[in-house]
Protein backbone atom coordinates (compact mmCIF):
# COMPACT_ATOMS: atom_id res chain seq x y z
CA MET A 1 -49.29 10.92 5.31
CA ILE A 2 -47.26 11.32 2.12
CA ILE A 3 -47.43 8.51 -0.44
CA LEU A 4 -45.31 8.42 -3.58
CA SER A 5 -45.45 6.13 -6.60
CA TRP A 6 -42.72 6.11 -9.22
CA ASN A 7 -42.19 4.03 -12.35
CA CYS A 8 -38.41 4.28 -12.06
CA GLN A 9 -37.71 2.19 -15.20
CA GLY A 10 -34.73 0.56 -13.50
CA LEU A 11 -32.71 1.07 -10.31
CA GLY A 12 -29.53 -0.43 -11.72
CA THR A 13 -27.48 2.75 -12.06
CA PRO A 14 -26.02 5.00 -9.36
CA CYS A 15 -27.83 7.92 -11.02
CA MET A 16 -31.26 6.32 -10.48
CA VAL A 17 -30.47 5.41 -6.88
CA HIS A 18 -29.33 9.02 -6.33
CA THR A 19 -32.63 10.25 -7.83
CA LEU A 20 -34.52 7.90 -5.53
CA GLY A 21 -32.59 9.30 -2.56
CA GLU A 22 -33.45 12.85 -3.61
CA LEU A 23 -37.15 11.96 -3.81
CA LEU A 24 -37.04 10.34 -0.37
CA ARG A 25 -35.21 13.30 1.18
CA HIS A 26 -37.35 15.95 -0.49
CA HIS A 27 -40.77 14.39 0.17
CA SER A 28 -40.14 12.13 3.22
CA PRO A 29 -42.92 9.73 2.20
CA SER A 30 -44.46 7.32 4.68
CA LEU A 31 -45.09 4.90 1.82
CA PHE A 32 -43.25 4.68 -1.51
CA PHE A 33 -44.16 2.32 -4.36
CA LEU A 34 -41.64 1.61 -7.13
CA ALA A 35 -42.58 -0.05 -10.43
CA GLU A 36 -40.19 -1.48 -13.01
CA THR A 37 -37.23 -1.72 -10.64
CA LYS A 38 -35.58 -4.16 -13.07
CA CYS A 39 -33.41 -5.53 -10.27
CA LYS A 40 -33.01 -8.45 -7.91
CA ASN A 41 -34.12 -8.53 -4.27
CA GLY A 42 -30.58 -7.94 -2.99
CA ARG A 43 -30.48 -4.55 -4.68
CA ILE A 44 -33.75 -3.49 -3.03
CA GLU A 45 -32.49 -4.75 0.35
CA SER A 46 -29.41 -2.55 -0.06
CA ILE A 47 -31.57 0.46 -0.94
CA LYS A 48 -33.82 -0.12 2.09
CA ARG A 49 -30.79 -0.15 4.41
CA ARG A 50 -29.21 2.88 2.74
CA PHE A 51 -32.31 5.05 3.14
CA ASN A 52 -33.53 3.54 6.43
CA TYR A 53 -36.88 2.22 5.18
CA PHE A 54 -38.66 -1.07 5.69
CA GLY A 55 -40.14 -2.78 2.68
CA CYS A 56 -40.93 -5.73 0.49
CA CYS A 57 -40.29 -6.41 -3.16
CA VAL A 58 -41.10 -8.61 -6.11
CA GLU A 59 -37.97 -9.49 -8.04
CA SER A 60 -37.75 -8.55 -11.70
CA GLN A 61 -38.16 -11.24 -14.32
CA GLY A 62 -35.03 -10.97 -16.41
CA ARG A 63 -34.55 -7.35 -17.41
CA SER A 64 -38.17 -6.30 -16.96
CA GLY A 65 -40.66 -5.78 -14.17
CA GLY A 66 -39.83 -5.73 -10.50
CA LEU A 67 -41.80 -3.97 -7.77
CA ALA A 68 -40.91 -2.56 -4.38
CA LEU A 69 -42.93 -1.04 -1.58
CA LEU A 70 -40.97 0.92 1.02
CA TRP A 71 -42.39 2.33 4.23
CA HIS A 72 -41.19 4.52 7.05
CA LYS A 73 -40.81 3.12 10.56
CA SER A 74 -43.63 5.40 11.79
CA ILE A 75 -46.25 3.08 10.26
CA SER A 76 -46.89 -0.64 10.43
CA VAL A 77 -47.60 -2.57 7.26
CA LEU A 78 -48.92 -6.10 6.87
CA LEU A 79 -48.36 -7.81 3.52
CA GLN A 80 -51.58 -9.35 2.18
CA SER A 81 -50.57 -10.58 -1.29
CA PHE A 82 -48.18 -9.98 -4.16
CA SER A 83 -47.50 -10.98 -7.75
CA PRO A 84 -45.30 -9.66 -10.56
CA HIS A 85 -48.02 -7.01 -11.03
CA HIS A 86 -49.00 -5.93 -7.52
CA ILE A 87 -48.11 -5.62 -3.86
CA ASP A 88 -51.17 -5.43 -1.57
CA VAL A 89 -50.80 -4.40 2.07
CA THR A 90 -52.80 -3.23 5.06
CA VAL A 91 -51.44 0.01 6.53
CA TYR A 92 -51.71 0.65 10.26
CA PRO A 93 -50.94 4.33 10.89
CA GLU A 94 -49.28 5.33 14.15
CA SER A 95 -52.09 7.79 14.87
CA GLU A 96 -55.72 7.10 15.70
CA TYR A 97 -56.65 6.71 12.03
CA GLU A 98 -58.24 3.45 10.99
CA ALA A 99 -56.23 0.83 9.12
CA TRP A 100 -56.56 0.93 5.34
CA ARG A 101 -55.33 -0.90 2.24
CA PHE A 102 -52.69 0.11 -0.24
CA THR A 103 -52.00 -1.68 -3.50
CA GLY A 104 -48.99 -0.86 -5.62
CA PHE A 105 -49.98 -1.89 -9.13
CA TYR A 106 -48.16 -2.43 -12.42
CA GLY A 107 -50.46 -3.36 -15.30
CA ILE A 108 -49.49 -5.96 -17.87
CA ALA A 109 -47.79 -4.18 -20.75
CA ASP A 110 -48.99 -6.59 -23.45
CA THR A 111 -52.36 -5.34 -24.71
CA ALA A 112 -53.58 -8.85 -25.56
CA SER A 113 -53.00 -9.98 -21.95
CA ARG A 114 -54.17 -6.81 -20.20
CA GLN A 115 -57.54 -8.27 -19.22
CA GLN A 116 -55.57 -10.26 -16.62
CA SER A 117 -54.70 -6.94 -14.97
CA TRP A 118 -58.36 -5.97 -14.78
CA ASP A 119 -59.28 -9.39 -13.41
CA LEU A 120 -56.60 -8.94 -10.73
CA LEU A 121 -58.04 -5.53 -9.74
CA SER A 122 -61.53 -7.04 -9.47
CA TYR A 123 -60.17 -9.88 -7.34
CA LEU A 124 -58.30 -7.47 -5.05
CA LYS A 125 -61.42 -5.35 -4.59
CA ARG A 126 -63.25 -8.37 -3.16
CA GLN A 127 -60.53 -9.10 -0.59
CA SER A 128 -61.37 -6.39 1.95
CA GLY A 129 -63.93 -3.75 2.80
CA ARG A 130 -61.30 -1.32 4.13
CA ALA A 131 -60.62 2.05 2.55
CA TRP A 132 -58.39 1.30 -0.45
CA MET A 133 -55.83 3.24 -2.40
CA ILE A 134 -54.15 1.97 -5.56
CA ALA A 135 -51.11 3.68 -7.05
CA GLY A 136 -48.77 2.70 -9.82
CA ASP A 137 -48.75 2.29 -13.56
CA PHE A 138 -51.82 0.66 -15.11
CA ASN A 139 -50.23 0.70 -18.59
CA GLU A 140 -53.57 2.01 -19.81
CA ILE A 141 -55.49 5.27 -19.99
CA LEU A 142 -59.13 6.05 -19.27
CA CYS A 143 -59.53 8.22 -22.37
CA ASP A 144 -57.48 9.51 -25.30
CA THR A 145 -57.20 13.01 -23.79
CA LYS A 146 -54.71 11.47 -21.35
CA LYS A 147 -52.45 10.60 -24.29
CA GLN A 148 -50.19 12.61 -26.56
CA GLY A 149 -49.02 11.44 -29.98
CA GLY A 150 -49.23 8.05 -31.61
CA ARG A 151 -52.35 6.16 -32.61
CA GLN A 152 -55.60 6.54 -30.76
CA ARG A 153 -56.48 3.65 -28.50
CA PRO A 154 -59.30 1.41 -29.70
CA ILE A 155 -62.53 2.14 -27.85
CA TRP A 156 -62.79 -1.46 -26.56
CA GLN A 157 -59.36 -1.18 -24.94
CA THR A 158 -60.08 1.92 -22.86
CA ARG A 159 -63.65 0.74 -22.22
CA ARG A 160 -62.41 -2.40 -20.43
CA PHE A 161 -60.22 -0.30 -18.15
CA TRP A 162 -63.06 2.16 -17.55
CA GLU A 163 -65.43 -0.71 -16.67
CA VAL A 164 -63.09 -2.20 -14.05
CA PHE A 165 -62.31 1.30 -12.77
CA GLU A 166 -66.01 1.90 -12.12
CA SER A 167 -66.86 -1.60 -10.87
CA THR A 168 -64.12 -1.40 -8.22
CA ASP A 169 -65.33 2.06 -7.07
CA LEU A 170 -62.03 3.73 -7.89
CA PHE A 171 -61.58 7.40 -8.69
CA ASP A 172 -58.62 9.32 -10.04
CA LEU A 173 -56.81 11.42 -7.42
CA GLY A 174 -54.70 13.07 -10.10
CA TYR A 175 -50.94 13.28 -10.15
CA GLU A 176 -48.05 15.66 -9.88
CA GLY A 177 -45.35 15.78 -12.54
CA ASP A 178 -45.10 15.42 -16.29
CA PRO A 179 -48.56 14.94 -17.81
CA PHE A 180 -47.28 12.63 -20.56
CA THR A 181 -44.67 9.93 -20.07
């Protein structure tokens, strides 16, 4: 099963929708999470029809935020919960594999409010004992080696993320693409 996650930083232009189409055609993902769609539900509905995917979305708030989770017809997905910062689903593969959880996550950008993101992750962890995958943009790093340029992060800031990362039994699967965004 191929799963993609993309912080698209807006799907309002034909160029970005074209790029989305290229990603869908090239990778044929079963599940595709989009963060920062910056668009209304009607736009996501149009995209779902255009590329023949099912899905759900959380509408943007003004010109920021917005989430979408698209899935191929070969899998069944049951929505568990959502907010402006997550979409949590149970995935039922077509094959004999056991059902599992997927959470598309977009961390709060404001550093002063970021603890709410970590509280949300802790809450979501307690909701099910199924195998769990989280993908998205946490708006935080685990250590300064994952960062290029700018000021170093305060130790307390990365420590809080590291603590919730460990307490929820998560581990980093890595990524493909540009190392610094």
